[in-house]
Amino acid sequence: MKRFNKKHLVILLMTLLFLTACSDESTSPELKSTDDELAELFSQSTLPGISYSLVDGAGIKSFGTSGYANLELGIKYNEDTRQSVASVSKAVLGVAVAKSIELGYFSLDTEINDLVPFEVNNPDFPEKKIKIKHLATHTSGIVDDIQFFFATYKILPNEDLGTETSKFMINTLNAQTGELPPMGEILYEYLSEDGEYYSQTNFSDYAPGEGYDYSNVGASLLAAIIELKSEMSYKEFVNKYIFSPLGMNGTSFGYPANENSNLYSKLYFNKSVSYPRYQSALYASGSLISTVNDLSKFLAEMINGYNKTNYSILTGESYDMLFDIMYTDQVTGAVHGLFWFREGNDLFHAGNDLGTVAKIHFNTKTGKGFVFMTNSEIQFSEDAGSNLVSINNILYRLGDEVN
């Protein structure tokens, strides 16, 4: 795996997270019915498609779509359309961490060097040890090198490597086409002093727990620790303790062999060009594939867990820990539980990746929430800026409904 030597690329995830944190002040027009107004907002956009649900503790209250999951084949979204949901993966990881603590694998204050087979230390603060809670709140000091991170992406076999977007991913982002090393091996190469991609710049200039850097690498390291302690892959762990108990049958990390491709949304650079199918070797932090239906089941469980009614996959004490405020960053304004963000009464996680944006969100006061996904680009295409504005407007309207 080669290091990408282009200029630093800007990831818009934090912009998405905080511009769309739904508050009581909405920028949307005077309210119409939810479906009517969302359809109008979509019609004014250049988004290929959107899919959403409104959720409470009993499950989906309403579901809606506009546009297409696959423009070329004329396939519309439905509640079981499967799509990458990017960093919404970390909301699942937060639950996996809480379950691991229940199982006695570690505590929030466990030092990670007691758990991993190689030393991970910030070279500027070798005496300050990174703990589980630091990884789960992005305060470990582990920094994403964007050049390295995109080089962990793999275009899947049988995809057309001659398209504009495939060439962009390979030649500009340095995405790979061959087999990539396992997640743990990549993390060793990046974080161990003996690793091929180790650098002091892989760490921040603050001690663990004393600053904030949103880190996919740090999140992936926590998933790798769960693998080590559970003696099963992270994919197996979350399927056993989260997906199967909640009946999330359309959710996975990866595209199962011989799966009907029409079940999956295509991801679009713009309405004329789609991305090839891809995944990251650091899959736990951002390669979850799910459906509005499945994420609504997950969100209903989160609402019930918060309210201590009809919850099933964690104990009440674990839900308290999952959503407890563990860190507030004075610079970005980020307020964190176990990977979950909080703003006022709102608990949420959003994500974006190449050709996809998603969000799950609920209001702790009303006990209502929403799931949202779109197969749209907000990073690199000419439509990226207008797409982000359109998505924000739609999310604000959904926020009106839950608030």
Protein backbone atom coordinates (compact mmCIF):
# COMPACT_ATOMS: atom_id res chain seq x y z
CA MET A 1 0.00 0.00 0.00
CA LYS A 2 1.55 3.27 -1.14
CA ARG A 3 1.36 6.62 0.58
CA PHE A 4 -0.60 9.25 -1.34
CA ASN A 5 1.62 12.23 -2.17
CA LYS A 6 -0.94 14.83 -3.25
CA LYS A 7 -1.85 17.95 -1.28
CA HIS A 8 -3.93 17.53 1.88
CA LEU A 9 -7.62 16.90 1.09
CA VAL A 10 -10.34 18.45 3.24
CA ILE A 11 -12.90 16.07 4.78
CA LEU A 12 -16.27 17.74 5.41
CA LEU A 13 -17.53 15.38 8.11
CA MET A 14 -17.25 17.84 10.97
CA THR A 15 -19.02 20.48 8.89
CA LEU A 16 -21.82 18.03 8.23
CA LEU A 17 -22.04 17.00 11.87
CA PHE A 18 -22.41 20.48 13.26
CA LEU A 19 -24.17 22.38 10.49
CA THR A 20 -26.90 19.76 10.61
CA ALA A 21 -27.16 19.36 14.38
CA CYS A 22 -30.88 20.05 14.54
CA SER A 23 -31.78 22.79 16.96
CA ASP A 24 -35.08 24.43 17.82
CA GLU A 25 -34.30 27.23 15.38
CA SER A 26 -35.04 26.01 11.87
CA THR A 27 -33.96 27.62 8.64
CA SER A 28 -36.66 25.73 6.71
CA PRO A 29 -39.69 27.54 5.23
CA GLU A 30 -43.08 27.73 6.93
CA LEU A 31 -44.09 24.18 7.75
CA LYS A 32 -46.13 22.03 5.38
CA SER A 33 -46.62 18.31 5.78
CA THR A 34 -43.32 16.52 6.24
CA ASP A 35 -43.58 14.51 3.03
CA ASP A 36 -44.69 17.49 0.94
CA GLU A 37 -41.99 19.81 2.14
CA LEU A 38 -39.23 17.22 1.83
CA ALA A 39 -40.37 16.40 -1.70
CA GLU A 40 -40.27 20.11 -2.54
CA LEU A 41 -36.78 20.51 -1.06
CA PHE A 42 -35.61 17.48 -3.04
CA SER A 43 -37.12 18.81 -6.28
CA GLN A 44 -35.09 22.01 -5.87
CA SER A 45 -31.85 20.02 -5.48
CA THR A 46 -29.54 18.06 -7.78
CA LEU A 47 -29.46 15.05 -5.44
CA PRO A 48 -29.98 11.67 -7.17
CA GLY A 49 -32.18 10.42 -4.36
CA ILE A 50 -33.00 10.52 -0.66
CA SER A 51 -34.52 8.07 1.78
CA TYR A 52 -35.62 8.76 5.35
CA SER A 53 -37.76 7.59 8.24
CA LEU A 54 -39.29 9.18 11.31
CA VAL A 55 -38.83 6.97 14.35
CA ASP A 56 -39.86 6.64 17.99
CA GLY A 57 -39.36 3.88 20.52
CA ALA A 58 -41.94 1.70 18.76
CA GLY A 59 -40.12 1.89 15.42
CA ILE A 60 -40.83 3.63 12.12
CA LYS A 61 -43.70 6.11 12.30
CA SER A 62 -43.37 7.14 8.66
CA PHE A 63 -41.05 6.49 5.75
CA GLY A 64 -40.37 8.51 2.64
CA THR A 65 -38.24 8.64 -0.49
CA SER A 66 -37.60 10.91 -3.44
CA GLY A 67 -35.55 10.07 -6.49
CA TYR A 68 -33.62 6.92 -7.22
CA ALA A 69 -31.25 4.46 -5.64
CA ASN A 70 -30.11 3.55 -9.16
CA LEU A 71 -30.73 6.15 -11.85
CA GLU A 72 -29.56 4.00 -14.74
CA LEU A 73 -31.95 1.14 -13.96
CA GLY A 74 -34.75 3.36 -12.67
CA ILE A 75 -34.72 1.68 -9.25
CA LYS A 76 -36.31 3.84 -6.58
CA TYR A 77 -35.31 3.80 -2.95
CA ASN A 78 -37.32 1.71 -0.55
CA GLU A 79 -36.92 1.09 3.17
CA ASP A 80 -34.75 -1.97 2.48
CA THR A 81 -32.35 -0.39 -0.04
CA ARG A 82 -28.80 -1.10 1.15
CA GLN A 83 -26.23 1.67 1.16
CA SER A 84 -22.95 2.66 2.77
CA VAL A 85 -23.66 4.96 5.71
CA ALA A 86 -20.05 6.09 6.29
CA SER A 87 -19.30 7.30 9.83
CA VAL A 88 -22.72 6.37 11.16
CA SER A 89 -20.68 3.17 11.62
CA LYS A 90 -19.24 4.80 14.74
CA ALA A 91 -22.63 4.96 16.45
CA VAL A 92 -22.61 1.16 16.20
CA LEU A 93 -19.02 1.12 17.45
CA GLY A 94 -20.10 3.06 20.54
CA VAL A 95 -22.61 0.33 21.36
CA ALA A 96 -19.94 -2.33 20.72
CA VAL A 97 -17.63 -0.58 23.19
CA ALA A 98 -20.37 -0.46 25.83
CA LYS A 99 -21.10 -4.17 25.28
CA SER A 100 -17.38 -4.98 25.56
CA ILE A 101 -17.26 -3.21 28.92
CA GLU A 102 -20.30 -5.22 30.03
CA LEU A 103 -18.45 -8.38 29.04
CA GLY A 104 -15.45 -7.37 31.16
CA TYR A 105 -12.97 -6.91 28.32
CA PHE A 106 -11.81 -3.51 29.58
CA SER A 107 -13.03 -0.33 31.25
CA LEU A 108 -13.08 3.24 30.02
CA ASP A 109 -9.89 3.88 31.98
CA THR A 110 -7.98 0.85 30.70
CA GLU A 111 -4.71 1.83 29.03
CA ILE A 112 -4.67 0.53 25.47
CA ASN A 113 -1.06 -0.63 25.77
CA ASP A 114 -2.37 -3.25 28.20
CA LEU A 115 -4.53 -4.60 25.35
CA VAL A 116 -2.64 -4.34 22.06
CA PRO A 117 0.43 -6.34 21.00
CA PHE A 118 2.49 -3.23 20.17
CA GLU A 119 3.12 0.07 21.92
CA VAL A 120 1.04 3.08 20.90
CA ASN A 121 2.33 6.32 22.36
CA ASN A 122 2.31 9.94 21.35
CA PRO A 123 6.07 10.59 20.89
CA ASP A 124 5.69 14.07 22.39
CA PHE A 125 4.02 12.69 25.52
CA PRO A 126 5.35 9.15 26.00
CA GLU A 127 4.52 9.17 29.71
CA LYS A 128 0.84 10.02 29.06
CA LYS A 129 -1.00 6.81 28.25
CA ILE A 130 -3.88 6.54 25.80
CA LYS A 131 -7.00 5.02 27.35
CA ILE A 132 -10.17 3.46 25.94
CA LYS A 133 -12.18 6.60 26.72
CA HIS A 134 -9.72 8.68 24.67
CA LEU A 135 -10.28 6.56 21.56
CA ALA A 136 -14.07 6.70 22.03
CA THR A 137 -14.14 10.51 22.31
CA HIS A 138 -11.51 11.35 19.65
CA THR A 139 -9.15 12.71 22.31
CA SER A 140 -6.40 10.09 21.98
CA GLY A 141 -4.13 12.36 19.96
CA ILE A 142 -4.10 9.87 17.05
CA VAL A 143 -4.47 11.94 13.89
CA ASP A 144 -5.78 10.83 10.50
CA ASP A 145 -3.26 11.39 7.73
CA ILE A 146 -5.70 11.86 4.86
CA GLN A 147 -3.09 10.77 2.34
CA PHE A 148 -2.71 7.48 4.17
CA PHE A 149 -6.41 7.07 4.94
CA PHE A 150 -7.64 7.09 1.33
CA ALA A 151 -4.93 4.56 0.49
CA THR A 152 -6.79 2.10 2.74
CA TYR A 153 -9.74 2.22 0.31
CA LYS A 154 -10.16 -0.69 -2.08
CA ILE A 155 -12.21 -0.72 -5.27
CA LEU A 156 -13.98 -4.07 -5.23
CA PRO A 157 -13.35 -6.81 -7.81
CA ASN A 158 -15.33 -6.75 -11.07
CA GLU A 159 -15.80 -2.97 -10.96
CA ASP A 160 -14.96 -0.97 -14.09
CA LEU A 161 -11.56 0.63 -13.51
CA GLY A 162 -11.80 2.75 -16.66
CA THR A 163 -14.50 5.16 -15.48
CA GLU A 164 -13.79 8.76 -14.50
CA THR A 165 -14.46 8.06 -10.84
CA SER A 166 -12.37 4.88 -10.74
CA LYS A 167 -9.44 6.76 -12.25
CA PHE A 168 -9.98 9.60 -9.77
CA MET A 169 -9.95 7.19 -6.85
CA ILE A 170 -6.86 5.36 -8.10
CA ASN A 171 -4.78 8.23 -9.47
CA THR A 172 -5.72 11.06 -7.10
CA LEU A 173 -6.84 9.39 -3.88
CA ASN A 174 -4.53 6.39 -4.33
CA ALA A 175 -7.27 3.88 -3.64
CA GLN A 176 -6.18 0.29 -4.18
CA THR A 177 -7.48 -2.48 -6.43
CA GLY A 178 -5.70 -5.49 -4.97
CA GLU A 179 -5.96 -7.17 -1.61
CA LEU A 180 -5.26 -4.98 1.42
CA PRO A 181 -3.73 -6.12 4.71
CA PRO A 182 -6.09 -6.83 7.64
CA MET A 183 -7.19 -3.91 9.81
CA GLY A 184 -4.83 -4.78 12.66
CA GLU A 185 -1.84 -4.99 10.36
CA ILE A 186 -2.55 -1.59 8.81
CA LEU A 187 -2.90 -0.05 12.27
CA TYR A 188 0.48 -1.51 13.27
CA GLU A 189 2.15 0.02 10.22
CA TYR A 190 0.68 3.43 11.08
CA LEU A 191 0.95 3.53 14.88
CA SER A 192 3.96 1.40 15.84
CA GLU A 193 7.40 3.04 15.85
CA ASP A 194 8.54 0.11 13.70
CA GLY A 195 5.70 0.54 11.20
CA GLU A 196 6.25 1.45 7.56
CA TYR A 197 3.91 4.46 7.72
CA TYR A 198 4.76 5.62 11.24
CA SER A 199 5.46 9.31 11.69
CA GLN A 200 5.39 11.76 14.58
CA THR A 201 2.80 13.67 12.56
CA ASN A 202 0.42 10.74 13.03
CA PHE A 203 -0.05 12.17 16.52
CA SER A 204 -1.24 15.56 17.72
CA ASP A 205 0.64 18.16 19.73
CA TYR A 206 -1.49 17.60 22.84
CA ALA A 207 -1.46 14.86 25.46
CA PRO A 208 -4.19 12.19 25.52
CA GLY A 209 -7.43 13.59 26.90
CA GLU A 210 -6.34 17.22 26.49
CA GLY A 211 -7.48 17.99 22.93
CA TYR A 212 -9.72 16.84 20.12
CA ASP A 213 -9.05 15.40 16.66
CA TYR A 214 -11.73 13.39 14.90
CA SER A 215 -9.90 10.16 14.11
CA ASN A 216 -11.00 7.24 11.95
CA VAL A 217 -7.72 5.52 12.74
CA GLY A 218 -8.35 5.85 16.47
CA ALA A 219 -11.86 4.47 16.09
CA SER A 220 -10.56 1.53 14.04
CA LEU A 221 -7.96 0.80 16.73
CA LEU A 222 -10.75 0.46 19.27
CA ALA A 223 -12.55 -2.01 17.00
CA ALA A 224 -9.30 -3.98 16.67
CA ILE A 225 -9.05 -4.11 20.47
CA ILE A 226 -12.57 -5.57 20.60
CA GLU A 227 -11.41 -8.21 18.12
CA LEU A 228 -8.45 -9.12 20.31
CA LYS A 229 -10.46 -9.38 23.51
CA SER A 230 -13.50 -11.15 22.03
CA GLU A 231 -11.42 -13.54 19.92
CA MET A 232 -13.74 -12.96 16.98
CA SER A 233 -13.73 -10.48 14.12
CA TYR A 234 -15.38 -7.14 14.74
CA LYS A 235 -17.90 -8.06 12.02
CA GLU A 236 -18.83 -11.21 13.95
CA PHE A 237 -18.99 -9.32 17.24
CA VAL A 238 -21.46 -6.66 16.10
CA ASN A 239 -23.55 -9.24 14.27
CA LYS A 240 -23.79 -11.37 17.42
CA TYR A 241 -24.50 -8.61 19.91
CA ILE A 242 -26.24 -5.90 17.85
CA PHE A 243 -27.46 -6.74 14.35
CA SER A 244 -28.93 -10.21 14.94
CA PRO A 245 -30.74 -9.36 18.20
CA LEU A 246 -32.31 -6.30 16.57
CA GLY A 247 -33.26 -8.13 13.36
CA MET A 248 -31.02 -5.94 11.21
CA ASN A 249 -30.87 -8.50 8.42
CA GLY A 250 -29.87 -6.07 5.66
CA THR A 251 -26.86 -4.70 7.55
CA SER A 252 -23.27 -5.81 7.06
CA PHE A 253 -19.69 -4.72 6.71
CA GLY A 254 -19.10 -5.57 3.09
CA TYR A 255 -20.98 -6.86 0.08
CA PRO A 256 -21.84 -10.55 0.52
CA ALA A 257 -20.80 -12.83 -2.33
CA ASN A 258 -23.46 -13.47 -4.98
CA GLU A 259 -25.75 -10.80 -3.48
CA ASN A 260 -28.26 -9.22 -5.86
CA SER A 261 -26.65 -5.89 -6.79
CA ASN A 262 -30.10 -4.33 -7.30
CA LEU A 263 -30.56 -4.44 -3.52
CA TYR A 264 -27.86 -1.76 -3.20
CA SER A 265 -27.96 1.92 -4.00
CA LYS A 266 -25.34 3.22 -6.41
CA LEU A 267 -23.23 6.07 -5.06
CA TYR A 268 -23.00 9.11 -7.31
CA PHE A 269 -20.29 11.67 -8.04
CA ASN A 270 -23.04 13.55 -9.89
CA LYS A 271 -26.25 12.52 -11.60
CA SER A 272 -24.31 11.38 -14.67
CA VAL A 273 -21.42 9.53 -13.03
CA SER A 274 -21.40 6.96 -10.23
CA TYR A 275 -18.57 5.64 -8.08
CA PRO A 276 -17.40 2.03 -8.28
CA ARG A 277 -18.18 -0.09 -5.24
CA TYR A 278 -15.47 0.32 -2.61
CA GLN A 279 -14.67 -0.31 1.03
CA SER A 280 -11.96 0.70 3.48
CA ALA A 281 -9.68 -1.79 5.18
CA LEU A 282 -10.34 0.31 8.31
CA TYR A 283 -13.94 -0.73 7.84
CA ALA A 284 -15.18 -0.40 11.44
CA SER A 285 -14.93 3.38 11.34
CA GLY A 286 -16.89 4.00 8.17
CA SER A 287 -17.84 1.08 5.90
CA LEU A 288 -21.13 -0.06 7.39
CA ILE A 289 -23.79 -0.94 4.81
CA SER A 290 -27.35 -0.69 6.08
CA THR A 291 -30.94 0.25 5.24
CA VAL A 292 -33.38 2.85 6.52
CA ASN A 293 -35.46 0.01 7.95
CA ASP A 294 -32.52 -1.52 9.84
CA LEU A 295 -31.14 1.79 11.09
CA SER A 296 -34.64 2.65 12.32
CA LYS A 297 -34.62 -0.54 14.41
CA PHE A 298 -31.22 0.47 15.78
CA LEU A 299 -32.40 4.02 16.50
CA ALA A 300 -35.59 2.82 18.23
CA GLU A 301 -33.41 0.69 20.50
CA MET A 302 -31.22 3.73 21.26
CA ILE A 303 -34.30 5.83 22.12
CA ASN A 304 -35.62 3.07 24.40
CA GLY A 305 -32.22 2.57 25.97
CA TYR A 306 -31.95 6.25 26.75
CA ASN A 307 -35.47 6.26 28.24
CA LYS A 308 -35.02 2.88 30.00
CA THR A 309 -38.07 1.32 28.35
CA ASN A 310 -38.15 -1.91 26.31
CA TYR A 311 -34.40 -1.91 25.61
CA SER A 312 -32.65 -5.19 24.91
CA ILE A 313 -29.03 -5.22 23.77
CA LEU A 314 -27.35 -3.31 26.65
CA THR A 315 -28.05 -2.85 30.34
CA GLY A 316 -29.52 0.42 31.61
CA GLU A 317 -26.16 1.30 33.16
CA SER A 318 -24.45 0.77 29.82
CA TYR A 319 -26.91 3.08 28.09
CA ASP A 320 -26.18 5.73 30.71
CA MET A 321 -22.49 5.37 29.90
CA LEU A 322 -23.07 5.34 26.12
CA PHE A 323 -24.81 8.72 26.13
CA ASP A 324 -23.12 10.36 29.13
CA ILE A 325 -21.17 13.53 28.33
CA MET A 326 -17.54 12.46 28.51
CA TYR A 327 -15.80 15.29 26.71
CA THR A 328 -16.62 18.80 25.54
CA ASP A 329 -14.16 20.43 23.16
CA GLN A 330 -13.84 24.18 23.58
CA VAL A 331 -12.51 24.69 20.04
CA THR A 332 -14.94 22.72 17.84
CA GLY A 333 -17.87 22.61 20.25
CA ALA A 334 -18.00 18.81 19.97
CA VAL A 335 -19.78 17.17 22.91
CA HIS A 336 -19.19 13.42 23.15
CA GLY A 337 -20.49 10.27 24.71
CA LEU A 338 -19.14 6.94 23.43
CA PHE A 339 -18.75 8.16 19.82
CA TRP A 340 -22.24 9.72 19.95
CA PHE A 341 -22.40 13.50 19.55
CA ARG A 342 -24.70 15.64 21.65
CA GLU A 343 -26.09 19.12 21.15
CA GLY A 344 -28.69 20.22 23.70
CA ASN A 345 -31.42 17.58 23.65
CA ASP A 346 -30.14 16.02 20.42
CA LEU A 347 -28.04 12.86 20.20
CA PHE A 348 -26.74 11.93 16.76
CA HIS A 349 -24.04 10.73 14.42
CA ALA A 350 -23.60 11.68 10.78
CA GLY A 351 -21.28 10.49 8.07
CA ASN A 352 -20.15 11.16 4.56
CA ASP A 353 -17.93 9.32 2.15
CA LEU A 354 -17.50 9.16 -1.60
CA GLY A 355 -21.04 9.46 -2.97
CA THR A 356 -22.90 8.96 0.29
CA VAL A 357 -24.26 10.96 3.23
CA ALA A 358 -26.20 9.55 6.18
CA LYS A 359 -27.40 10.56 9.61
CA ILE A 360 -29.20 9.10 12.62
CA HIS A 361 -30.61 11.49 15.20
CA PHE A 362 -32.99 11.58 18.14
CA ASN A 363 -34.30 14.14 20.58
CA THR A 364 -34.05 13.04 24.20
CA LYS A 365 -36.94 15.30 25.25
CA THR A 366 -39.51 14.17 22.67
CA GLY A 367 -38.32 10.58 22.25
CA LYS A 368 -38.51 10.96 18.46
CA GLY A 369 -35.80 10.72 15.83
CA PHE A 370 -34.98 10.23 12.19
CA VAL A 371 -32.80 8.24 9.83
CA PHE A 372 -31.59 9.83 6.59
CA MET A 373 -29.47 8.72 3.65
CA THR A 374 -28.66 10.02 0.20
CA ASN A 375 -26.44 8.70 -2.59
CA SER A 376 -24.85 12.10 -3.18
CA GLU A 377 -21.37 13.65 -3.20
CA ILE A 378 -20.38 16.49 -0.85
CA GLN A 379 -16.59 16.37 -1.11
CA PHE A 380 -15.19 16.52 -4.64
CA SER A 381 -17.79 17.15 -7.35
CA GLU A 382 -18.85 20.53 -8.71
CA ASP A 383 -22.23 19.91 -7.09
CA ALA A 384 -20.71 19.26 -3.65
CA GLY A 385 -21.48 22.67 -2.15
CA SER A 386 -25.07 22.86 -3.40
CA ASN A 387 -25.60 19.23 -2.36
CA LEU A 388 -24.51 20.06 1.18
CA VAL A 389 -26.89 23.02 1.34
CA SER A 390 -29.77 20.86 0.07
CA ILE A 391 -28.97 18.11 2.57
CA ASN A 392 -28.80 20.62 5.43
CA ASN A 393 -32.22 22.02 4.50
CA ILE A 394 -33.72 18.53 4.44
CA LEU A 395 -32.16 17.62 7.76
CA TYR A 396 -33.41 20.81 9.37
CA ARG A 397 -36.92 19.89 8.24
CA LEU A 398 -36.58 16.43 9.71
CA GLY A 399 -35.27 18.08 12.86
CA ASP A 400 -38.42 20.22 13.02
CA GLU A 401 -40.46 17.04 13.05
CA VAL A 402 -38.57 15.37 15.91
CA ASN A 403 -38.35 18.58 17.97
